[in-house]
Amino acid sequence: MAYLTIMNLNTKAGSPWLDERRVTGEQELKQLESAYGSWVNDSYWLLMPYKMKDAGVTLSLAGEEKGEGGTWDKLLLTFDSVGLTPRDKYWA
């Protein structure tokens, strides 16, 4: 299946398409919600190094990691009521 959603990220209003057909009704709302969630998730990973200082993000040192490529510091990112998954934890 091919999905296409054109939407305003500020208002979450838009036009979803599925296999070249405009989606309406309850399926429209589901696809708009799914598209918004995908944008939030994918853009976060793309921009994660720049988002580490966003409001609601807490950074803490999480020790060192050793591997074949050497040794590096690990950061723990936790979130205070932000984003679509506010209780997640990530290590960078």
Protein backbone atom coordinates (compact mmCIF):
# COMPACT_ATOMS: atom_id res chain seq x y z
CA MET A 1 0.00 0.00 0.00
CA ALA A 2 1.17 3.50 -0.80
CA TYR A 3 0.43 6.23 1.76
CA LEU A 4 0.57 9.95 1.11
CA THR A 5 -0.42 12.61 3.62
CA ILE A 6 -0.19 16.33 3.05
CA MET A 7 -0.76 18.17 6.29
CA ASN A 8 -0.18 21.34 8.27
CA LEU A 9 1.93 20.18 11.22
CA ASN A 10 0.71 23.07 13.38
CA THR A 11 -3.01 22.35 12.99
CA LYS A 12 -2.74 18.64 12.06
CA ALA A 13 -5.28 19.26 9.30
CA GLY A 14 -4.59 17.69 5.95
CA SER A 15 -5.41 15.35 3.11
CA PRO A 16 -4.47 11.67 3.41
CA TRP A 17 -4.31 9.34 0.43
CA LEU A 18 -4.10 5.55 0.23
CA ASP A 19 -3.21 3.87 -3.05
CA GLU A 20 -3.96 7.09 -5.00
CA ARG A 21 -7.44 7.46 -3.45
CA ARG A 22 -8.40 10.26 -1.04
CA VAL A 23 -9.24 8.87 2.40
CA THR A 24 -12.24 10.25 4.31
CA GLY A 25 -14.17 9.69 7.53
CA GLU A 26 -12.66 7.82 10.47
CA GLN A 27 -9.85 6.40 8.31
CA GLU A 28 -8.89 9.99 7.45
CA LEU A 29 -8.48 10.86 11.13
CA LYS A 30 -6.47 7.70 11.80
CA GLN A 31 -4.13 8.32 8.88
CA LEU A 32 -3.61 11.98 9.85
CA GLU A 33 -2.77 10.93 13.42
CA SER A 34 -0.42 8.23 12.18
CA ALA A 35 1.33 10.62 9.78
CA TYR A 36 1.82 13.19 12.53
CA GLY A 37 3.27 10.53 14.86
CA SER A 38 5.64 9.35 12.13
CA TRP A 39 6.82 12.90 11.51
CA VAL A 40 7.45 13.50 15.23
CA ASN A 41 9.38 10.24 15.60
CA ASP A 42 11.41 10.43 12.40
CA SER A 43 12.33 14.10 12.72
CA TYR A 44 13.41 13.50 16.33
CA TRP A 45 15.95 10.87 15.30
CA LEU A 46 17.17 13.01 12.42
CA LEU A 47 17.63 16.06 14.66
CA MET A 48 18.35 14.35 18.01
CA PRO A 49 21.76 15.95 18.60
CA TYR A 50 20.16 19.40 18.27
CA LYS A 51 17.14 18.53 20.43
CA MET A 52 19.09 17.42 23.50
CA LYS A 53 18.71 20.89 25.03
CA ASP A 54 14.95 21.25 24.40
CA ALA A 55 12.75 22.18 27.36
CA GLY A 56 11.70 19.08 29.28
CA VAL A 57 14.74 17.00 28.27
CA THR A 58 17.08 15.94 31.07
CA LEU A 59 20.62 14.86 30.20
CA SER A 60 22.83 12.86 32.50
CA LEU A 61 26.08 10.98 32.11
CA ALA A 62 25.53 7.22 31.94
CA GLY A 63 29.11 5.98 32.13
CA GLU A 64 31.43 4.82 29.39
CA GLU A 65 30.81 2.41 26.57
CA LYS A 66 33.65 0.32 25.14
CA GLY A 67 33.65 -1.36 21.78
CA GLU A 68 35.80 -2.25 18.82
CA GLY A 69 35.89 1.40 17.75
CA GLY A 70 37.15 2.66 21.09
CA THR A 71 35.65 4.13 24.24
CA TRP A 72 33.06 6.89 24.47
CA ASP A 73 30.83 8.62 27.01
CA LYS A 74 27.16 7.69 27.13
CA LEU A 75 24.38 10.22 27.71
CA LEU A 76 20.99 9.30 29.14
CA LEU A 77 18.07 11.37 27.84
CA THR A 78 14.85 11.39 29.87
CA PHE A 79 11.77 13.48 29.25
CA ASP A 80 9.42 15.43 31.51
CA SER A 81 5.94 15.48 29.93
CA VAL A 82 7.17 16.23 26.41
CA GLY A 83 6.65 14.51 23.08
CA LEU A 84 4.39 11.61 22.17
CA THR A 85 6.22 9.16 24.47
CA PRO A 86 7.15 11.23 27.54
CA ARG A 87 8.42 8.34 29.70
CA ASP A 88 10.86 6.94 27.17
CA LYS A 89 14.59 6.88 27.85
CA TYR A 90 17.30 7.05 25.23
CA TRP A 91 21.05 6.65 25.37
CA ALA A 92 23.37 8.50 23.03
